[in-house]
Amino acid sequence: MTEYLDHVARIQQAWARERPDLDASPQGVIGRLHRLADHLGEQLRVVYRRYGLGEGEFDVLATLRRAGAPFERAPGELAAFTMVTTGAMTKRIDRLERDGLVTRRPSTSDGRGRVVALTEAGRELIDQAFTEHMRNERRLLDLLPPDDAAQLERLLATWLASFEAPLRTEVSDDDS
């Protein structure tokens, strides 16, 4: 009988042979998560490219759209929400502004500050792209049985909380 080993299992097998004194079992999780992230990222970028966007531009448009009307944020807020440097954010905003998807204007609350806002074209584009993005994510997640997907979400949320503190949100009586 032939045994089929995935890429990570082959690496673990080689390390077990070469360094039997080390426990290479963490690679079973970490290595597979890393490889899976690469595969998932490529599958997600297919949708972004279909709309003429890179991952960063999609992220900026989605962040502005999630902000709610009037769909605007200061560049520093965008950088914080998307976890990139202000220099990287400036390049993204420049491209999106050139393409007519966002505008920049002086802040009404801070005379020195600027505000980035979605244009109507930007809002239409991100609404279409995000709809397809959610269909794509559903397709990818549906590769797992629903119970496994729910368990994986719980496990990942627990693990991620070891690195990032979850934000507390208040629930109003209207929300319950």
C-alpha atoms as a PDB file:
ATOM      1  CA  MET A   1       0.000   0.000   0.000  1.00  0.00           C
ATOM      2  CA  THR A   2       1.335   3.466  -0.947  1.00  0.00           C
ATOM      3  CA  GLU A   3       1.195   6.232   1.637  1.00  0.00           C
ATOM      4  CA  TYR A   4       0.664   9.755   0.326  1.00  0.00           C
ATOM      5  CA  LEU A   5       2.274  12.519   2.348  1.00  0.00           C
ATOM      6  CA  ASP A   6       1.540  16.200   1.901  1.00  0.00           C
ATOM      7  CA  HIS A   7       4.397  18.697   1.602  1.00  0.00           C
ATOM      8  CA  VAL A   8       4.528  19.409   5.331  1.00  0.00           C
ATOM      9  CA  ALA A   9       4.496  15.714   6.275  1.00  0.00           C
ATOM     10  CA  ARG A  10       7.436  15.120   3.921  1.00  0.00           C
ATOM     11  CA  ILE A  11       9.363  17.959   5.589  1.00  0.00           C
ATOM     12  CA  GLN A  12       8.554  16.580   9.040  1.00  0.00           C
ATOM     13  CA  GLN A  13       9.677  13.130   7.941  1.00  0.00           C
ATOM     14  CA  ALA A  14      12.991  14.535   6.698  1.00  0.00           C
ATOM     15  CA  TRP A  15      13.577  16.428   9.958  1.00  0.00           C
ATOM     16  CA  ALA A  16      12.743  13.322  11.986  1.00  0.00           C
ATOM     17  CA  ARG A  17      15.426  11.487  10.012  1.00  0.00           C
ATOM     18  CA  GLU A  18      18.023  14.294  10.183  1.00  0.00           C
ATOM     19  CA  ARG A  19      17.291  15.648  13.667  1.00  0.00           C
ATOM     20  CA  PRO A  20      15.525  12.959  15.709  1.00  0.00           C
ATOM     21  CA  ASP A  21      16.458  14.922  18.843  1.00  0.00           C
ATOM     22  CA  LEU A  22      14.008  17.713  17.883  1.00  0.00           C
ATOM     23  CA  ASP A  23      10.223  17.661  18.007  1.00  0.00           C
ATOM     24  CA  ALA A  24       9.113  18.784  14.532  1.00  0.00           C
ATOM     25  CA  SER A  25       5.418  18.263  15.278  1.00  0.00           C
ATOM     26  CA  PRO A  26       4.645  22.034  15.479  1.00  0.00           C
ATOM     27  CA  GLN A  27       5.291  22.147  11.724  1.00  0.00           C
ATOM     28  CA  GLY A  28       2.170  20.034  11.305  1.00  0.00           C
ATOM     29  CA  VAL A  29       0.067  23.023  12.324  1.00  0.00           C
ATOM     30  CA  ILE A  30       2.271  26.047  11.643  1.00  0.00           C
ATOM     31  CA  GLY A  31       3.591  24.788   8.310  1.00  0.00           C
ATOM     32  CA  ARG A  32       0.146  23.858   7.077  1.00  0.00           C
ATOM     33  CA  LEU A  33      -1.329  27.195   8.197  1.00  0.00           C
ATOM     34  CA  HIS A  34       1.449  29.020   6.373  1.00  0.00           C
ATOM     35  CA  ARG A  35       0.944  27.020   3.165  1.00  0.00           C
ATOM     36  CA  LEU A  36      -2.831  27.332   3.441  1.00  0.00           C
ATOM     37  CA  ALA A  37      -2.541  31.112   3.874  1.00  0.00           C
ATOM     38  CA  ASP A  38      -0.534  31.271   0.642  1.00  0.00           C
ATOM     39  CA  HIS A  39      -3.149  29.223  -1.240  1.00  0.00           C
ATOM     40  CA  LEU A  40      -6.059  31.189   0.206  1.00  0.00           C
ATOM     41  CA  GLY A  41      -4.348  34.510  -0.515  1.00  0.00           C
ATOM     42  CA  GLU A  42      -3.941  33.592  -4.165  1.00  0.00           C
ATOM     43  CA  GLN A  43      -7.594  32.542  -4.415  1.00  0.00           C
ATOM     44  CA  LEU A  44      -8.689  35.847  -2.834  1.00  0.00           C
ATOM     45  CA  ARG A  45      -6.457  37.943  -5.097  1.00  0.00           C
ATOM     46  CA  VAL A  46      -8.212  36.472  -8.167  1.00  0.00           C
ATOM     47  CA  VAL A  47     -11.319  38.458  -7.207  1.00  0.00           C
ATOM     48  CA  TYR A  48      -9.388  41.641  -6.421  1.00  0.00           C
ATOM     49  CA  ARG A  49      -7.665  41.515  -9.807  1.00  0.00           C
ATOM     50  CA  ARG A  50     -11.012  41.036 -11.548  1.00  0.00           C
ATOM     51  CA  TYR A  51     -11.936  44.502 -10.263  1.00  0.00           C
ATOM     52  CA  GLY A  52      -8.558  46.043 -11.089  1.00  0.00           C
ATOM     53  CA  LEU A  53      -7.507  46.137  -7.447  1.00  0.00           C
ATOM     54  CA  GLY A  54      -4.594  44.897  -5.442  1.00  0.00           C
ATOM     55  CA  GLU A  55      -5.135  43.485  -1.986  1.00  0.00           C
ATOM     56  CA  GLY A  56      -4.165  46.812  -0.415  1.00  0.00           C
ATOM     57  CA  GLU A  57      -6.542  48.879  -2.522  1.00  0.00           C
ATOM     58  CA  PHE A  58      -9.375  46.434  -1.814  1.00  0.00           C
ATOM     59  CA  ASP A  59      -8.619  46.776   1.903  1.00  0.00           C
ATOM     60  CA  VAL A  60      -8.738  50.595   1.778  1.00  0.00           C
ATOM     61  CA  LEU A  61     -12.023  50.651  -0.139  1.00  0.00           C
ATOM     62  CA  ALA A  62     -13.548  48.048   2.186  1.00  0.00           C
ATOM     63  CA  THR A  63     -12.416  50.007   5.253  1.00  0.00           C
ATOM     64  CA  LEU A  64     -14.015  53.181   3.918  1.00  0.00           C
ATOM     65  CA  ARG A  65     -17.216  51.319   3.017  1.00  0.00           C
ATOM     66  CA  ARG A  66     -17.436  49.723   6.481  1.00  0.00           C
ATOM     67  CA  ALA A  67     -17.127  53.169   8.062  1.00  0.00           C
ATOM     68  CA  GLY A  68     -20.715  53.920   7.025  1.00  0.00           C
ATOM     69  CA  ALA A  69     -21.982  57.148   5.535  1.00  0.00           C
ATOM     70  CA  PRO A  70     -20.292  59.413   4.578  1.00  0.00           C
ATOM     71  CA  PHE A  71     -17.688  56.635   3.929  1.00  0.00           C
ATOM     72  CA  GLU A  72     -14.601  58.564   4.939  1.00  0.00           C
ATOM     73  CA  ARG A  73     -11.629  58.367   7.301  1.00  0.00           C
ATOM     74  CA  ALA A  74      -8.419  60.239   7.970  1.00  0.00           C
ATOM     75  CA  PRO A  75      -5.361  58.677   6.284  1.00  0.00           C
ATOM     76  CA  GLY A  76      -3.870  57.827   9.686  1.00  0.00           C
ATOM     77  CA  GLU A  77      -7.046  55.954  10.643  1.00  0.00           C
ATOM     78  CA  LEU A  78      -6.924  54.047   7.365  1.00  0.00           C
ATOM     79  CA  ALA A  79      -3.316  53.085   8.043  1.00  0.00           C
ATOM     80  CA  ALA A  80      -4.227  51.879  11.549  1.00  0.00           C
ATOM     81  CA  PHE A  81      -7.290  49.935  10.382  1.00  0.00           C
ATOM     82  CA  THR A  82      -5.358  48.266   7.575  1.00  0.00           C
ATOM     83  CA  MET A  83      -2.124  47.811   9.567  1.00  0.00           C
ATOM     84  CA  VAL A  84       0.230  49.447   7.072  1.00  0.00           C
ATOM     85  CA  THR A  85       2.605  52.379   7.341  1.00  0.00           C
ATOM     86  CA  THR A  86       1.390  55.857   6.477  1.00  0.00           C
ATOM     87  CA  GLY A  87       3.816  55.851   3.511  1.00  0.00           C
ATOM     88  CA  ALA A  88       2.246  52.679   2.113  1.00  0.00           C
ATOM     89  CA  MET A  89      -1.198  54.146   2.726  1.00  0.00           C
ATOM     90  CA  THR A  90      -0.294  57.302   0.800  1.00  0.00           C
ATOM     91  CA  LYS A  91       0.649  55.210  -2.247  1.00  0.00           C
ATOM     92  CA  ARG A  92      -2.613  53.283  -2.074  1.00  0.00           C
ATOM     93  CA  ILE A  93      -4.665  56.459  -1.733  1.00  0.00           C
ATOM     94  CA  ASP A  94      -2.773  58.088  -4.626  1.00  0.00           C
ATOM     95  CA  ARG A  95      -3.647  55.173  -6.912  1.00  0.00           C
ATOM     96  CA  LEU A  96      -7.285  55.046  -5.796  1.00  0.00           C
ATOM     97  CA  GLU A  97      -7.624  58.810  -6.234  1.00  0.00           C
ATOM     98  CA  ARG A  98      -6.043  58.622  -9.703  1.00  0.00           C
ATOM     99  CA  ASP A  99      -8.614  55.937 -10.604  1.00  0.00           C
ATOM    100  CA  GLY A 100     -11.494  58.104  -9.345  1.00  0.00           C
ATOM    101  CA  LEU A 101     -12.409  55.742  -6.501  1.00  0.00           C
ATOM    102  CA  VAL A 102     -11.598  58.088  -3.593  1.00  0.00           C
ATOM    103  CA  THR A 103     -11.170  61.808  -3.025  1.00  0.00           C
ATOM    104  CA  ARG A 104      -9.069  63.747  -0.538  1.00  0.00           C
ATOM    105  CA  ARG A 105     -10.170  66.947   1.111  1.00  0.00           C
ATOM    106  CA  PRO A 106      -9.169  69.054   4.100  1.00  0.00           C
ATOM    107  CA  SER A 107     -10.667  67.932   7.403  1.00  0.00           C
ATOM    108  CA  THR A 108     -13.418  70.148   8.789  1.00  0.00           C
ATOM    109  CA  SER A 109     -12.355  69.345  12.375  1.00  0.00           C
ATOM    110  CA  ASP A 110      -8.582  69.711  11.923  1.00  0.00           C
ATOM    111  CA  GLY A 111      -7.386  72.386   9.511  1.00  0.00           C
ATOM    112  CA  ARG A 112      -4.075  70.595   8.984  1.00  0.00           C
ATOM    113  CA  GLY A 113      -5.610  67.149   8.496  1.00  0.00           C
ATOM    114  CA  ARG A 114      -7.022  65.465   5.421  1.00  0.00           C
ATOM    115  CA  VAL A 115      -9.950  63.130   4.903  1.00  0.00           C
ATOM    116  CA  VAL A 116     -10.222  60.335   2.347  1.00  0.00           C
ATOM    117  CA  ALA A 117     -13.711  59.516   1.093  1.00  0.00           C
ATOM    118  CA  LEU A 118     -15.206  57.007  -1.303  1.00  0.00           C
ATOM    119  CA  THR A 119     -16.540  58.425  -4.530  1.00  0.00           C
ATOM    120  CA  GLU A 120     -19.776  57.047  -5.934  1.00  0.00           C
ATOM    121  CA  ALA A 121     -17.693  54.987  -8.376  1.00  0.00           C
ATOM    122  CA  GLY A 122     -15.597  53.696  -5.472  1.00  0.00           C
ATOM    123  CA  ARG A 123     -18.671  52.719  -3.504  1.00  0.00           C
ATOM    124  CA  GLU A 124     -20.203  50.898  -6.464  1.00  0.00           C
ATOM    125  CA  LEU A 125     -16.933  49.083  -7.158  1.00  0.00           C
ATOM    126  CA  ILE A 126     -16.355  47.947  -3.570  1.00  0.00           C
ATOM    127  CA  ASP A 127     -19.982  46.856  -3.202  1.00  0.00           C
ATOM    128  CA  GLN A 128     -19.626  44.651  -6.288  1.00  0.00           C
ATOM    129  CA  ALA A 129     -16.143  43.418  -5.373  1.00  0.00           C
ATOM    130  CA  PHE A 130     -17.094  42.679  -1.773  1.00  0.00           C
ATOM    131  CA  THR A 131     -20.173  40.726  -2.847  1.00  0.00           C
ATOM    132  CA  GLU A 132     -18.005  38.540  -5.067  1.00  0.00           C
ATOM    133  CA  HIS A 133     -15.329  38.366  -2.357  1.00  0.00           C
ATOM    134  CA  MET A 134     -17.877  36.952   0.117  1.00  0.00           C
ATOM    135  CA  ARG A 135     -19.054  34.385  -2.450  1.00  0.00           C
ATOM    136  CA  ASN A 136     -15.425  33.401  -3.008  1.00  0.00           C
ATOM    137  CA  GLU A 137     -14.745  33.071   0.727  1.00  0.00           C
ATOM    138  CA  ARG A 138     -17.904  30.959   1.095  1.00  0.00           C
ATOM    139  CA  ARG A 139     -16.697  28.709  -1.745  1.00  0.00           C
ATOM    140  CA  LEU A 140     -13.337  28.272  -0.033  1.00  0.00           C
ATOM    141  CA  LEU A 141     -14.828  27.609   3.387  1.00  0.00           C
ATOM    142  CA  ASP A 142     -17.322  25.147   1.930  1.00  0.00           C
ATOM    143  CA  LEU A 143     -14.360  22.872   1.154  1.00  0.00           C
ATOM    144  CA  LEU A 144     -14.732  21.904   4.829  1.00  0.00           C
ATOM    145  CA  PRO A 145     -17.765  20.269   6.427  1.00  0.00           C
ATOM    146  CA  PRO A 146     -19.812  22.931   8.310  1.00  0.00           C
ATOM    147  CA  ASP A 147     -19.055  21.492  11.768  1.00  0.00           C
ATOM    148  CA  ASP A 148     -15.312  21.459  10.997  1.00  0.00           C
ATOM    149  CA  ALA A 149     -15.454  25.049   9.743  1.00  0.00           C
ATOM    150  CA  ALA A 150     -17.246  26.185  12.923  1.00  0.00           C
ATOM    151  CA  GLN A 151     -14.742  24.328  15.111  1.00  0.00           C
ATOM    152  CA  LEU A 152     -11.821  25.774  13.159  1.00  0.00           C
ATOM    153  CA  GLU A 153     -13.226  29.296  13.601  1.00  0.00           C
ATOM    154  CA  ARG A 154     -13.463  28.787  17.389  1.00  0.00           C
ATOM    155  CA  LEU A 155      -9.955  27.364  17.578  1.00  0.00           C
ATOM    156  CA  LEU A 156      -8.453  30.157  15.489  1.00  0.00           C
ATOM    157  CA  ALA A 157     -10.297  32.838  17.500  1.00  0.00           C
ATOM    158  CA  THR A 158      -8.950  31.358  20.731  1.00  0.00           C
ATOM    159  CA  TRP A 159      -5.408  31.144  19.367  1.00  0.00           C
ATOM    160  CA  LEU A 160      -5.529  34.642  17.864  1.00  0.00           C
ATOM    161  CA  ALA A 161      -6.677  36.042  21.220  1.00  0.00           C
ATOM    162  CA  SER A 162      -3.275  34.963  22.578  1.00  0.00           C
ATOM    163  CA  PHE A 163      -1.718  37.574  20.298  1.00  0.00           C
ATOM    164  CA  GLU A 164      -4.430  40.205  19.927  1.00  0.00           C
ATOM    165  CA  ALA A 165      -6.747  41.404  22.643  1.00  0.00           C
ATOM    166  CA  PRO A 166     -10.344  41.293  21.405  1.00  0.00           C
ATOM    167  CA  LEU A 167     -12.211  44.596  21.626  1.00  0.00           C
ATOM    168  CA  ARG A 168     -15.155  44.792  23.982  1.00  0.00           C
ATOM    169  CA  THR A 169     -18.358  45.991  22.377  1.00  0.00           C
ATOM    170  CA  GLU A 170     -21.442  47.208  24.141  1.00  0.00           C
ATOM    171  CA  VAL A 171     -24.702  45.556  23.228  1.00  0.00           C
ATOM    172  CA  SER A 172     -27.728  47.797  23.489  1.00  0.00           C
ATOM    173  CA  ASP A 173     -31.175  46.567  24.412  1.00  0.00           C
ATOM    174  CA  ASP A 174     -32.132  47.112  20.763  1.00  0.00           C
ATOM    175  CA  ASP A 175     -29.441  44.641  19.638  1.00  0.00           C
ATOM    176  CA  SER A 176     -30.559  41.755  21.828  1.00  0.00           C
END
